[in-house]
Structures are given as structure tokens and as C-alpha cells.
Amino acid sequence: MPEICRFLGIVIAMYYNEHKPPHFHAKYGEFRAAFSIESLQLIEGQMPVRVISLILEWAFEHRKELLEDWELAERKEQLKKIAPLV
């Protein structure tokens, strides 16, 4: 799981060979979730509400970079790190 960002105990990653729609994965303690890059919605898993709001705030600020990493993942190229929320 290539990690692209880490902040406040939240790990953001993307996998290679993933299905569409473009999305990213988040891990926080025992919680796991996937979020759509385009709609910024939780599409799979569970996460505390407060953590979801932090993830979505971060994703909104970095949507373009997330889409660029998605394209790199599709080509199986090295993903770029994205700045954390804080």
C-alpha cells in the first residue's frame, strides 16, 4: 500500500491495480475506509465522523494531486507524496 500522506494518525494511500472510480484509502487505528476523489464521499468502510471531516478537508485541498497520483498508479509509476493537513 503506497503511502502518500500521513497526518494526525491518519494514513492516506493508493493501491496499484485498483478499480474505478478514482479513490484513495485511509487508515486510522483499526478503521479503514475508501473515499472517492471526484465526489469526496466515503465509498467503503468506516471511520469516526471527526476523522472523516479531517480527511475530506485534506482531500479538498489536494484533489488535483490525488488525481495525478491516481493516474500514476494506473501506469504503475511511483506515486508522489502529498503535504499533510497540518
C-alpha atoms as a PDB file:
ATOM      1  CA  MET A   1       0.000   0.000   0.000  1.00  0.00           C
ATOM      2  CA  PRO A   2       1.942   3.039  -1.196  1.00  0.00           C
ATOM      3  CA  GLU A   3       1.547   5.735   1.438  1.00  0.00           C
ATOM      4  CA  ILE A   4       1.087   9.211   0.002  1.00  0.00           C
ATOM      5  CA  CYS A   5       0.419  11.179   3.194  1.00  0.00           C
ATOM      6  CA  ARG A   6       0.293  10.873   6.975  1.00  0.00           C
ATOM      7  CA  PHE A   7      -1.191  13.362   9.457  1.00  0.00           C
ATOM      8  CA  LEU A   8      -2.821  13.272  12.895  1.00  0.00           C
ATOM      9  CA  GLY A   9      -2.590   9.475  12.988  1.00  0.00           C
ATOM     10  CA  ILE A  10      -4.303   9.154   9.604  1.00  0.00           C
ATOM     11  CA  VAL A  11      -2.502   7.297   6.807  1.00  0.00           C
ATOM     12  CA  ILE A  12      -3.559   8.018   3.217  1.00  0.00           C
ATOM     13  CA  ALA A  13      -2.610   5.528   0.494  1.00  0.00           C
ATOM     14  CA  MET A  14      -3.384   4.354  -3.020  1.00  0.00           C
ATOM     15  CA  TYR A  15      -3.028   0.870  -4.399  1.00  0.00           C
ATOM     16  CA  TYR A  16      -1.812  -0.144  -7.814  1.00  0.00           C
ATOM     17  CA  ASN A  17      -4.225  -2.188 -10.000  1.00  0.00           C
ATOM     18  CA  GLU A  18      -7.300  -0.559  -8.469  1.00  0.00           C
ATOM     19  CA  HIS A  19     -10.827  -0.364  -9.824  1.00  0.00           C
ATOM     20  CA  LYS A  20     -12.562   2.849 -10.824  1.00  0.00           C
ATOM     21  CA  PRO A  21     -13.837   5.337  -9.741  1.00  0.00           C
ATOM     22  CA  PRO A  22     -10.635   7.143  -8.735  1.00  0.00           C
ATOM     23  CA  HIS A  23     -10.293   6.859  -4.977  1.00  0.00           C
ATOM     24  CA  PHE A  24      -7.859   6.738  -2.095  1.00  0.00           C
ATOM     25  CA  HIS A  25      -7.698   4.698   1.093  1.00  0.00           C
ATOM     26  CA  ALA A  26      -7.461   5.999   4.650  1.00  0.00           C
ATOM     27  CA  LYS A  27      -6.399   4.140   7.771  1.00  0.00           C
ATOM     28  CA  TYR A  28      -6.879   5.412  11.314  1.00  0.00           C
ATOM     29  CA  GLY A  29      -6.226   2.958  14.122  1.00  0.00           C
ATOM     30  CA  GLU A  30      -8.444  -0.058  13.470  1.00  0.00           C
ATOM     31  CA  PHE A  31     -10.612   1.881  10.986  1.00  0.00           C
ATOM     32  CA  ARG A  32     -10.269   1.538   7.211  1.00  0.00           C
ATOM     33  CA  ALA A  33     -12.136   3.470   4.509  1.00  0.00           C
ATOM     34  CA  ALA A  34     -12.026   4.466   0.852  1.00  0.00           C
ATOM     35  CA  PHE A  35     -13.027   7.879  -0.477  1.00  0.00           C
ATOM     36  CA  SER A  36     -13.936   8.986  -3.992  1.00  0.00           C
ATOM     37  CA  ILE A  37     -11.584  11.674  -5.286  1.00  0.00           C
ATOM     38  CA  GLU A  38     -14.192  13.196  -7.574  1.00  0.00           C
ATOM     39  CA  SER A  39     -17.160  13.376  -5.184  1.00  0.00           C
ATOM     40  CA  LEU A  40     -15.187  13.370  -1.901  1.00  0.00           C
ATOM     41  CA  GLN A  41     -17.588  10.823  -0.443  1.00  0.00           C
ATOM     42  CA  LEU A  42     -16.946   7.797   1.721  1.00  0.00           C
ATOM     43  CA  ILE A  43     -17.442   4.838  -0.635  1.00  0.00           C
ATOM     44  CA  GLU A  44     -16.307   1.932   1.515  1.00  0.00           C
ATOM     45  CA  GLY A  45     -15.517   1.137   5.140  1.00  0.00           C
ATOM     46  CA  GLN A  46     -15.981   3.064   8.358  1.00  0.00           C
ATOM     47  CA  MET A  47     -14.258   5.949  10.067  1.00  0.00           C
ATOM     48  CA  PRO A  48     -15.112   8.217  13.031  1.00  0.00           C
ATOM     49  CA  VAL A  49     -17.054  11.286  11.887  1.00  0.00           C
ATOM     50  CA  ARG A  50     -14.411  13.713  13.153  1.00  0.00           C
ATOM     51  CA  VAL A  51     -11.695  11.842  11.239  1.00  0.00           C
ATOM     52  CA  ILE A  52     -13.825  11.813   8.082  1.00  0.00           C
ATOM     53  CA  SER A  53     -14.094  15.601   8.272  1.00  0.00           C
ATOM     54  CA  LEU A  54     -10.303  15.926   8.557  1.00  0.00           C
ATOM     55  CA  ILE A  55      -9.750  13.558   5.635  1.00  0.00           C
ATOM     56  CA  LEU A  56     -12.243  15.417   3.469  1.00  0.00           C
ATOM     57  CA  GLU A  57     -10.737  18.799   4.362  1.00  0.00           C
ATOM     58  CA  TRP A  58      -7.320  17.464   3.322  1.00  0.00           C
ATOM     59  CA  ALA A  59      -8.669  15.822   0.148  1.00  0.00           C
ATOM     60  CA  PHE A  60     -10.480  19.010  -0.921  1.00  0.00           C
ATOM     61  CA  GLU A  61      -7.203  20.939  -0.692  1.00  0.00           C
ATOM     62  CA  HIS A  62      -5.306  18.258  -2.626  1.00  0.00           C
ATOM     63  CA  ARG A  63      -7.842  16.917  -5.121  1.00  0.00           C
ATOM     64  CA  LYS A  64      -5.672  17.757  -8.149  1.00  0.00           C
ATOM     65  CA  GLU A  65      -2.654  15.996  -6.628  1.00  0.00           C
ATOM     66  CA  LEU A  66      -4.790  12.978  -5.740  1.00  0.00           C
ATOM     67  CA  LEU A  67      -5.960  12.692  -9.343  1.00  0.00           C
ATOM     68  CA  GLU A  68      -2.360  12.962 -10.525  1.00  0.00           C
ATOM     69  CA  ASP A  69      -1.359  10.143  -8.167  1.00  0.00           C
ATOM     70  CA  TRP A  70      -4.309   8.072  -9.399  1.00  0.00           C
ATOM     71  CA  GLU A  71      -3.016   8.435 -12.968  1.00  0.00           C
ATOM     72  CA  LEU A  72       0.491   7.458 -11.838  1.00  0.00           C
ATOM     73  CA  ALA A  73      -0.924   4.383 -10.085  1.00  0.00           C
ATOM     74  CA  GLU A  74      -2.772   3.357 -13.242  1.00  0.00           C
ATOM     75  CA  ARG A  75       0.547   3.499 -15.120  1.00  0.00           C
ATOM     76  CA  LYS A  76       2.256   1.678 -12.210  1.00  0.00           C
ATOM     77  CA  GLU A  77       4.622   4.591 -11.685  1.00  0.00           C
ATOM     78  CA  GLN A  78       5.905   5.866  -8.359  1.00  0.00           C
ATOM     79  CA  LEU A  79       3.337   7.954  -6.509  1.00  0.00           C
ATOM     80  CA  LYS A  80       4.144  11.441  -5.256  1.00  0.00           C
ATOM     81  CA  LYS A  81       3.872  12.370  -1.590  1.00  0.00           C
ATOM     82  CA  ILE A  82       1.224  14.947  -0.748  1.00  0.00           C
ATOM     83  CA  ALA A  83       1.587  17.526   2.026  1.00  0.00           C
ATOM     84  CA  PRO A  84      -0.270  16.766   5.266  1.00  0.00           C
ATOM     85  CA  LEU A  85      -3.191  18.745   6.641  1.00  0.00           C
ATOM     86  CA  VAL A  86      -1.146  20.255   9.468  1.00  0.00           C
END
